[in-house]
Structure formats: structure tokens, C-alpha cells
Amino acid sequence: MIQIYPINYLEIMSFEVKIPAAGESVTSATVGEWHKESGDTVSPGDVLVTLETDKVSQELEAEVSGVLHIVVEEGEDCEIGTLIATIEEGEGAVSAPAAEKPAASEPEAKAAAPEEKKPEPKTEKKTEPVAAPAADKRPDFSALSKLAPASEASAAAVVDATGRVTRKKMSPLRRKIASHLVNAQQTAAILTTFNEVDMSAVMNLRKSLQPDFVEKHGVKLGFMSFFVKAVVEALKSVPAVNGSIEGNEIVQNHFYDIGVAIGTEKGLVVPVLRDCDKKSFAEIERDIIEYAQKAQSGALQMSDLQGGVFTVSNGGTYGSLLSTPILNPPQSGILGMHTIQQRPVAVDGKVEIRPMMYLAMSYDHRLIDGKEAVTFLIRIKECIEQPTRLLVGV
């Protein structure tokens, strides 16, 4: 029997899903996790895929209804504008698989309808050559196995026959971080200068003002706001640090957007605090808390990470005593804070036990001379050891 379908059955529109632009400096993205399988029916607003762009996760949603056909699998790096999937619009896209089977006669087709029309399309979708089912996918480990559902442990790592070595593929995010760090060291002449700062004055000030500060502003007065403010003062004193090299040109910045490194389970992210010269201590503390919450929930946007002129990284949170931080391109400087440790120091000819912190400033020696870098770090030291300077701008 010949079956006749309406003409509009064949008029299936194909909607292209492409890697979207995510900023001027972003040229590629990694397909992290597909939340739908090839052959699934999707509706506008359904989350299709998570893209990893540098250190930001970005979700793409369906804009039309139809059947999804995945073109690029998880773990693949793609340039901006790359086609990663298509969505076939129209009822024909949904019902086509069942219509492909020839029917011997009308009575037979009607008899088979209750059994064949529902199970068969689902079975055919599951036999398509796609990665493991969405319920078992993990962004970090999906590319390790193309076999069907496996446990998280087996998908995450492969142990050799001797049991002495375990191998696992780098996650898309970790590959991005590795590439970013290597690029920073290969494109800049990085040098680090060190100093130490007595934290007594800041700690005493925080202790005396903390109750009133919390009552008025609803947030605690932390160390980071002091260092951000100190960095702003140092940038004003040594403008060369507030610049960058682009090709054969020196770009001099006249604003003070400071990046603050925040550790997450996926890696380190550096959201940017805008116009720190105009913000109060309370506003800076609130911004840091908000960014930390967004970073942990994966809600950071690319715009949150762009435009910084200098970065502050607090390795002391993890107990680091001393380190040499790596630049965050295109910035020319980064300050490394470290753990506060009670140490004997000479004060007015006497030995006293003081809470001391080592500071490390890495800088691009192509743009910043040693004298400027040392002057910059000493300026920070002065502002922290005499925090009243930050209130009166001296």
C-alpha cells in the first residue's frame, strides 16, 4: 500500500547550533557536556550543551522546537562560529523515523501501530553513534570512553595492568588553564620581586571595627579589601604597572579594575572588581562575596572576567608561605599574598613577635623596570602597615 503524506511533512527546516562569540579575546570554546542526545526532541529554552570558554561555563539553550542532531562530540575544541549541532523543525522531523518502515497493508499497519509507533523510534535513537547517555556524562571525563553506560570511576580513569599507574584525559577546563599559563610564560618576560609586611595594624583595626562594620554593612571586613585598596594606591603611584603591551604599542590604563583570584572545584577563576578607586571597603567585600558565590555555582559570565588591569591572588588561604604568581595576560602585574605567620622581627632595636606576611609581585619586565616594581611593592607595604593612609590617600 502506498502511503501519502501531506506536503508540509517534507518541509523540514534545519536550525543550526553554533559556538557563539564570547568576547574579543576569545577565539575558541570546548564542548563540555551535552545535556541532550542525538535524536531527542527539544523545545525553546531547553539546555542543549555546556561550553567551556577559558574558565567560564556557558550553557546554550534551544531556540526552536524540533529534533536535535549532534555534530561535535564532547571534549572537542571548536572555533567561534563552528556548527556543533542542528535542530530539525516541524512535525515531520519527529515522526519521520516511524514513517520510514514500509507497510504491507492498511490492516497490518493499524494492527502494528500500538506496538511499533512508540517503542521503535526510541530504540533507533539509542543505537545512534553518540557518547554515553546524558545521565552518566561528566565534563571532565566524557572523552575517556565511547562505550555505553559505565561507572564514574571507570570513565574517569584507566589503571594499567600492573596497578601502578592511573591515566585519565585532561578535562576541557584543565586544558584551557594549562594553555593559558604556558602562553603567559612564553609571551612575557616574567620577573618576581619579594617583600614582607607586618599585618599588626590591619589585624588590630579589623578587630576593633568588625562588630560595627558587620552591623552597618552586613558583611565582614576582610584582608582582601585592604590589599585591593593598597593596589589602587600603588597603581596611582607607579602608573607603568597599570599598562600592557599590545604588539608594538604600550596601552596605558586610567581606570582601576582589579582582578581577584578565586579557587573553585573546577579551577582558578579571576573575576574583576570594577572601579575600585571609587568603591568603599564594604562594596569591595560585597563584590568579592558575590563573585565567590557565582564562581562556586558556575554562574560567572565572560564579562565578569574581562577588563582587569591587575590581579591579586591570595595563596595564603591554602597555607602557602611563598610563591611566584604567574601573570594573567594581558595584564603586566600580579600580587601574591601568603599565609600570615608569627615570626621574630627587629622593631626599634628589639626583637618582637609579629604577624608577618610575605608578598610577591610578578611583572612583565618588558614594560616594567625593576625600580618601578620594587617601588610598587613598597607602596603596598606602606599602605598595609599604616592602613590610615588608605583613608586619607597619602
Protein backbone atom coordinates (compact mmCIF):
# COMPACT_ATOMS: atom_id res chain seq x y z
CA MET A 1 0.00 0.00 0.00
CA ILE A 2 1.34 3.47 -0.91
CA GLN A 3 1.13 5.97 1.92
CA ILE A 4 0.58 9.64 1.08
CA TYR A 5 1.82 12.31 3.45
CA PRO A 6 0.95 16.00 3.49
CA ILE A 7 3.37 18.16 1.52
CA ASN A 8 4.44 20.03 4.64
CA TYR A 9 5.75 16.75 6.07
CA LEU A 10 8.78 17.06 3.81
CA GLU A 11 9.27 20.75 4.54
CA ILE A 12 11.64 20.30 7.47
CA MET A 13 13.59 23.38 8.43
CA SER A 14 17.07 22.87 9.86
CA PHE A 15 18.22 25.28 12.59
CA GLU A 16 21.98 25.49 13.12
CA VAL A 17 23.53 25.50 16.60
CA LYS A 18 26.91 27.23 16.52
CA ILE A 19 29.59 28.29 19.01
CA PRO A 20 28.62 31.88 19.91
CA ALA A 21 31.02 34.81 20.27
CA ALA A 22 32.07 35.30 23.89
CA GLY A 23 34.32 38.36 23.80
CA GLU A 24 37.00 39.92 21.63
CA SER A 25 39.87 37.85 23.09
CA VAL A 26 38.02 34.53 22.94
CA THR A 27 38.59 32.60 19.71
CA SER A 28 37.51 29.09 20.68
CA ALA A 29 35.47 27.03 23.10
CA THR A 30 35.34 23.40 24.22
CA VAL A 31 32.18 21.30 24.07
CA GLY A 32 31.96 20.30 27.71
CA GLU A 33 28.73 18.33 28.15
CA TRP A 34 25.69 17.59 26.02
CA HIS A 35 22.52 17.63 28.10
CA LYS A 36 20.51 16.08 25.27
CA GLU A 37 21.20 13.14 22.97
CA SER A 38 21.09 12.99 19.21
CA GLY A 39 17.51 12.29 18.20
CA ASP A 40 15.97 13.89 21.29
CA THR A 41 13.07 16.27 20.81
CA VAL A 42 13.83 19.71 22.25
CA SER A 43 11.81 22.83 22.95
CA PRO A 44 12.77 26.51 23.21
CA GLY A 45 14.58 27.11 26.49
CA ASP A 46 15.89 23.55 26.87
CA VAL A 47 19.58 23.48 27.82
CA LEU A 48 21.41 21.72 25.00
CA VAL A 49 25.10 21.89 25.86
CA THR A 50 27.62 23.38 28.26
CA LEU A 51 30.58 25.12 26.65
CA GLU A 52 33.87 25.72 28.43
CA THR A 53 35.37 29.07 27.43
CA ASP A 54 38.63 29.73 29.26
CA LYS A 55 37.39 29.31 32.85
CA VAL A 56 33.73 30.08 32.31
CA SER A 57 30.96 27.57 31.71
CA GLN A 58 28.34 28.79 29.26
CA GLU A 59 25.06 26.99 28.58
CA LEU A 60 23.41 27.09 25.17
CA GLU A 61 19.63 26.77 25.02
CA ALA A 62 17.41 25.63 22.18
CA GLU A 63 15.81 28.50 20.27
CA VAL A 64 13.34 26.37 18.31
CA SER A 65 11.42 23.12 18.71
CA GLY A 66 12.48 20.04 16.83
CA VAL A 67 14.83 17.05 16.79
CA LEU A 68 18.45 17.53 17.85
CA HIS A 69 21.30 16.11 15.76
CA ILE A 70 24.74 16.43 17.38
CA VAL A 71 27.64 17.18 15.05
CA VAL A 72 30.53 17.72 17.51
CA GLU A 73 31.05 15.38 20.45
CA GLU A 74 32.15 16.27 23.98
CA GLY A 75 35.74 17.28 24.63
CA GLU A 76 36.28 18.79 21.18
CA ASP A 77 37.79 22.28 20.81
CA CYS A 78 35.98 24.46 18.28
CA GLU A 79 36.50 27.93 16.89
CA ILE A 80 33.84 30.60 17.32
CA GLY A 81 31.08 30.07 14.77
CA THR A 82 31.64 26.32 14.40
CA LEU A 83 28.49 24.27 13.74
CA ILE A 84 28.10 21.81 16.62
CA ALA A 85 24.51 20.61 16.09
CA THR A 86 21.34 21.08 14.09
CA ILE A 87 17.69 21.09 15.10
CA GLU A 88 15.18 19.82 12.55
CA GLU A 89 11.99 21.80 12.97
CA GLY A 90 8.48 20.60 12.16
CA GLU A 91 6.35 17.58 12.95
CA GLY A 92 7.96 15.62 10.14
CA ALA A 93 11.27 15.69 11.98
CA VAL A 94 9.68 13.90 14.92
CA SER A 95 7.59 11.36 13.08
CA ALA A 96 9.93 10.57 10.18
CA PRO A 97 11.69 7.56 11.80
CA ALA A 98 8.39 5.67 12.19
CA ALA A 99 7.31 6.51 8.64
CA GLU A 100 10.43 5.03 7.06
CA LYS A 101 9.18 1.45 7.57
CA PRO A 102 7.16 0.09 4.66
CA ALA A 103 3.68 -1.14 5.46
CA ALA A 104 2.36 -4.30 3.73
CA SER A 105 -1.30 -3.35 4.03
CA GLU A 106 -3.52 -0.91 5.83
CA PRO A 107 -4.94 -3.53 8.24
CA GLU A 108 -1.44 -4.70 9.19
CA ALA A 109 -0.27 -1.14 9.73
CA LYS A 110 -3.21 -0.43 12.02
CA ALA A 111 -2.63 -3.64 13.96
CA ALA A 112 1.05 -2.91 14.46
CA ALA A 113 0.55 0.73 15.40
CA PRO A 114 0.13 0.27 19.17
CA GLU A 115 3.39 -1.73 19.38
CA GLU A 116 5.63 -0.16 16.75
CA LYS A 117 4.97 3.59 16.69
CA LYS A 118 6.12 4.27 20.22
CA PRO A 119 8.97 1.86 21.05
CA GLU A 120 10.72 1.80 17.66
CA PRO A 121 11.68 5.49 17.37
CA LYS A 122 13.19 5.40 20.89
CA THR A 123 15.17 2.25 20.11
CA GLU A 124 16.54 3.73 16.91
CA LYS A 125 17.65 6.89 18.72
CA LYS A 126 19.61 4.93 21.30
CA THR A 127 21.53 3.00 18.66
CA GLU A 128 22.91 6.14 17.05
CA PRO A 129 26.70 6.57 17.34
CA VAL A 130 26.76 9.05 20.22
CA ALA A 131 28.59 9.25 23.52
CA ALA A 132 27.38 7.72 26.77
CA PRO A 133 23.85 8.65 27.96
CA ALA A 134 23.43 12.10 29.47
CA ALA A 135 22.82 10.74 32.96
CA ASP A 136 26.34 9.27 33.04
CA LYS A 137 28.22 12.15 31.39
CA ARG A 138 30.83 14.18 33.24
CA PRO A 139 32.52 17.22 31.61
CA ASP A 140 35.94 16.17 32.83
CA PHE A 141 35.83 12.54 31.80
CA SER A 142 33.44 12.06 28.90
CA ALA A 143 36.12 11.70 26.26
CA LEU A 144 37.77 8.75 28.00
CA SER A 145 35.23 6.22 26.85
CA LYS A 146 32.85 5.98 23.92
CA LEU A 147 31.29 2.83 25.32
CA ALA A 148 27.81 2.78 26.70
CA PRO A 149 26.94 3.49 30.33
CA ALA A 150 29.84 2.94 32.67
CA SER A 151 30.52 3.85 36.27
CA GLU A 152 32.01 7.24 37.09
CA ALA A 153 35.22 5.64 38.31
CA SER A 154 35.80 3.64 35.12
CA ALA A 155 35.01 6.66 32.96
CA ALA A 156 37.29 8.92 34.96
CA ALA A 157 40.48 6.89 34.92
CA VAL A 158 42.19 3.86 33.41
CA VAL A 159 44.51 1.73 35.56
CA ASP A 160 47.30 -0.15 33.80
CA ALA A 161 47.77 -3.91 34.13
CA THR A 162 50.27 -3.59 36.97
CA GLY A 163 48.05 -1.30 39.01
CA ARG A 164 50.95 1.12 39.47
CA VAL A 165 49.77 3.85 37.11
CA THR A 166 46.40 5.51 36.51
CA ARG A 167 45.74 7.62 33.46
CA LYS A 168 42.90 9.98 32.72
CA LYS A 169 42.35 12.51 29.99
CA MET A 170 42.66 16.17 30.89
CA SER A 171 39.32 17.88 31.24
CA PRO A 172 38.49 20.65 28.75
CA LEU A 173 38.79 23.22 31.53
CA ARG A 174 42.17 21.93 32.69
CA ARG A 175 43.47 22.03 29.11
CA LYS A 176 42.36 25.66 28.87
CA ILE A 177 44.11 26.55 32.13
CA ALA A 178 47.31 24.80 31.02
CA SER A 179 47.29 26.60 27.68
CA HIS A 180 46.65 29.95 29.38
CA LEU A 181 49.55 29.55 31.82
CA VAL A 182 52.04 28.36 29.21
CA ASN A 183 51.04 31.23 26.93
CA ALA A 184 51.66 33.72 29.74
CA GLN A 185 55.19 32.44 30.32
CA GLN A 186 56.03 32.30 26.62
CA THR A 187 54.82 35.78 25.70
CA ALA A 188 56.07 37.86 28.66
CA ALA A 189 59.41 38.39 30.39
CA ILE A 190 58.19 37.48 33.88
CA LEU A 191 60.23 38.50 36.90
CA THR A 192 59.21 38.40 40.57
CA THR A 193 60.18 40.69 43.43
CA PHE A 194 59.50 39.93 47.11
CA ASN A 195 58.89 41.78 50.35
CA GLU A 196 57.21 41.18 53.67
CA VAL A 197 54.58 43.13 55.52
CA ASP A 198 53.69 43.45 59.19
CA MET A 199 49.97 42.74 59.48
CA SER A 200 49.62 44.01 63.07
CA ALA A 201 47.95 47.33 62.22
CA VAL A 202 45.39 45.83 59.84
CA MET A 203 44.56 42.98 62.23
CA ASN A 204 44.09 45.37 65.15
CA LEU A 205 41.93 47.69 63.02
CA ARG A 206 39.75 44.80 61.85
CA LYS A 207 39.35 43.54 65.40
CA SER A 208 38.25 46.91 66.76
CA LEU A 209 35.90 47.79 63.89
CA GLN A 210 34.49 44.39 62.97
CA PRO A 211 31.30 44.43 65.11
CA ASP A 212 30.29 47.92 63.93
CA PHE A 213 31.27 47.14 60.33
CA VAL A 214 29.15 43.98 60.22
CA GLU A 215 26.21 45.72 61.88
CA LYS A 216 26.27 48.59 59.38
CA HIS A 217 27.18 46.80 56.14
CA GLY A 218 26.09 43.19 56.68
CA VAL A 219 29.49 41.78 55.63
CA LYS A 220 32.76 41.16 57.42
CA LEU A 221 35.78 43.37 56.92
CA GLY A 222 38.35 41.06 55.35
CA PHE A 223 42.01 41.40 54.42
CA MET A 224 41.34 41.42 50.68
CA SER A 225 39.65 44.83 50.63
CA PHE A 226 42.73 46.36 52.28
CA PHE A 227 45.02 44.85 49.66
CA VAL A 228 42.76 45.87 46.78
CA LYS A 229 42.75 49.43 48.04
CA ALA A 230 46.53 49.30 48.55
CA VAL A 231 46.98 48.08 44.97
CA VAL A 232 44.93 51.02 43.70
CA GLU A 233 47.16 53.45 45.59
CA ALA A 234 50.27 51.71 44.26
CA LEU A 235 48.95 51.84 40.68
CA LYS A 236 48.40 55.58 41.07
CA SER A 237 51.95 56.00 42.39
CA VAL A 238 53.55 53.82 39.69
CA PRO A 239 51.42 54.21 36.52
CA ALA A 240 53.74 51.98 34.47
CA VAL A 241 52.30 48.93 36.21
CA ASN A 242 48.81 49.96 35.08
CA GLY A 243 49.58 49.24 31.46
CA SER A 244 50.11 46.44 28.97
CA ILE A 245 51.85 45.66 25.69
CA GLU A 246 49.82 45.06 22.55
CA GLY A 247 52.02 44.33 19.57
CA ASN A 248 54.41 47.27 19.31
CA GLU A 249 52.25 49.58 21.38
CA ILE A 250 52.02 50.33 25.09
CA VAL A 251 48.46 50.65 26.36
CA GLN A 252 48.21 52.88 29.42
CA ASN A 253 45.09 52.36 31.55
CA HIS A 254 43.48 55.18 33.51
CA PHE A 255 40.99 53.06 35.43
CA TYR A 256 41.33 50.62 38.32
CA ASP A 257 39.54 47.34 37.66
CA ILE A 258 41.25 44.76 39.88
CA GLY A 259 41.00 41.01 39.37
CA VAL A 260 40.69 38.80 42.45
CA ALA A 261 41.63 35.13 42.08
CA ILE A 262 39.02 32.73 43.48
CA GLY A 263 39.56 28.98 43.77
CA THR A 264 36.76 26.62 42.71
CA GLU A 265 36.43 22.87 42.27
CA LYS A 266 36.96 23.32 38.53
CA GLY A 267 39.99 25.58 38.84
CA LEU A 268 41.05 29.15 39.48
CA VAL A 269 38.90 31.99 38.15
CA VAL A 270 39.69 35.72 38.25
CA PRO A 271 36.57 37.90 38.31
CA VAL A 272 37.16 41.64 38.07
CA LEU A 273 36.14 44.26 40.64
CA ARG A 274 35.20 47.40 38.71
CA ASP A 275 36.34 50.94 39.59
CA CYS A 276 37.93 50.01 42.90
CA ASP A 277 39.19 53.56 43.35
CA LYS A 278 35.58 54.69 43.70
CA LYS A 279 34.33 51.87 45.93
CA SER A 280 34.27 51.63 49.70
CA PHE A 281 35.71 48.74 51.68
CA ALA A 282 32.20 47.39 52.20
CA GLU A 283 31.38 47.50 48.48
CA ILE A 284 34.58 45.62 47.64
CA GLU A 285 33.84 42.96 50.27
CA ARG A 286 30.29 42.52 48.94
CA ASP A 287 31.56 42.22 45.37
CA ILE A 288 34.06 39.55 46.39
CA ILE A 289 31.39 37.54 48.20
CA GLU A 290 29.03 37.80 45.23
CA TYR A 291 31.71 36.66 42.79
CA ALA A 292 32.69 33.77 45.07
CA GLN A 293 29.09 32.57 45.15
CA LYS A 294 28.75 32.86 41.38
CA ALA A 295 32.05 31.04 40.86
CA GLN A 296 31.01 28.11 43.06
CA SER A 297 27.63 27.81 41.32
CA GLY A 298 29.11 28.17 37.84
CA ALA A 299 27.16 31.37 37.18
CA LEU A 300 30.11 33.57 36.22
CA GLN A 301 29.83 35.24 32.83
CA MET A 302 32.68 36.04 30.46
CA SER A 303 32.05 39.74 31.09
CA ASP A 304 32.86 39.14 34.78
CA LEU A 305 36.42 38.11 33.87
CA GLN A 306 37.32 40.72 31.28
CA GLY A 307 38.95 44.11 31.51
CA GLY A 308 41.11 43.80 34.62
CA VAL A 309 44.33 45.83 34.84
CA PHE A 310 45.97 43.98 37.77
CA THR A 311 45.33 40.78 39.74
CA VAL A 312 45.53 39.90 43.44
CA SER A 313 45.92 36.23 44.38
CA ASN A 314 45.77 35.00 47.98
CA GLY A 315 47.65 31.73 48.24
CA GLY A 316 47.67 32.16 51.99
CA THR A 317 44.11 30.82 52.03
CA TYR A 318 45.62 27.38 51.38
CA GLY A 319 48.61 27.85 53.69
CA SER A 320 51.17 28.94 51.08
CA LEU A 321 54.18 30.63 52.69
CA LEU A 322 55.77 31.91 49.49
CA SER A 323 55.20 31.58 45.73
CA THR A 324 55.86 33.26 42.39
CA PRO A 325 52.47 34.03 40.78
CA ILE A 326 52.09 33.86 37.01
CA LEU A 327 50.77 36.85 35.08
CA ASN A 328 47.18 36.98 33.89
CA PRO A 329 47.60 38.27 30.29
CA PRO A 330 47.34 40.91 29.00
CA GLN A 331 47.98 42.37 32.46
CA SER A 332 51.54 43.31 33.36
CA GLY A 333 51.45 42.66 37.09
CA ILE A 334 50.07 40.33 39.76
CA LEU A 335 50.35 40.42 43.55
CA GLY A 336 50.67 37.20 45.52
CA MET A 337 49.52 37.25 49.14
CA HIS A 338 50.53 34.45 51.50
CA THR A 339 49.76 32.99 54.89
CA ILE A 340 50.19 35.15 58.00
CA GLN A 341 52.84 33.69 60.26
CA GLN A 342 54.06 34.75 63.68
CA ARG A 343 57.78 35.50 63.24
CA PRO A 344 60.51 37.31 65.21
CA VAL A 345 61.34 40.69 63.66
CA ALA A 346 63.52 43.62 64.68
CA VAL A 347 61.42 46.60 65.84
CA ASP A 348 63.21 49.71 67.12
CA GLY A 349 66.30 47.71 68.02
CA LYS A 350 64.32 44.98 69.79
CA VAL A 351 63.16 41.54 68.70
CA GLU A 352 59.39 41.19 68.70
CA ILE A 353 56.98 38.51 67.52
CA ARG A 354 54.76 39.96 64.79
CA PRO A 355 52.18 38.56 62.36
CA MET A 356 54.12 38.71 59.09
CA MET A 357 53.10 38.01 55.50
CA TYR A 358 55.38 37.53 52.51
CA LEU A 359 54.33 39.42 49.38
CA ALA A 360 55.37 38.52 45.85
CA MET A 361 54.87 40.69 42.80
CA SER A 362 55.39 39.18 39.36
CA TYR A 363 55.62 41.65 36.50
CA ASP A 364 56.35 41.90 32.80
CA HIS A 365 59.93 43.12 32.62
CA ARG A 366 59.42 44.24 29.01
CA LEU A 367 57.27 47.09 30.29
CA ILE A 368 58.12 47.49 33.98
CA ASP A 369 61.66 48.14 35.23
CA GLY A 370 62.94 46.65 38.47
CA LYS A 371 62.92 50.02 40.23
CA GLU A 372 59.25 50.53 39.38
CA ALA A 373 58.31 47.05 40.53
CA VAL A 374 60.11 47.43 43.86
CA THR A 375 58.61 50.90 44.39
CA PHE A 376 55.16 49.49 43.66
CA LEU A 377 55.53 46.69 46.21
CA ILE A 378 56.93 49.01 48.87
CA ARG A 379 53.94 51.30 48.36
CA ILE A 380 51.62 48.37 49.09
CA LYS A 381 53.67 47.53 52.18
CA GLU A 382 53.33 51.11 53.44
CA CYS A 383 49.56 51.15 52.95
CA ILE A 384 49.08 47.85 54.80
CA GLU A 385 51.39 48.66 57.69
CA GLN A 386 49.75 52.10 58.03
CA PRO A 387 46.16 51.50 56.87
CA THR A 388 45.14 55.05 57.77
CA ARG A 389 46.99 56.06 54.58
CA LEU A 390 44.18 54.37 52.62
CA LEU A 391 41.62 56.62 54.29
CA VAL A 392 43.35 59.90 53.52
CA GLY A 393 45.11 58.91 50.27
CA VAL A 394 48.75 59.52 51.28
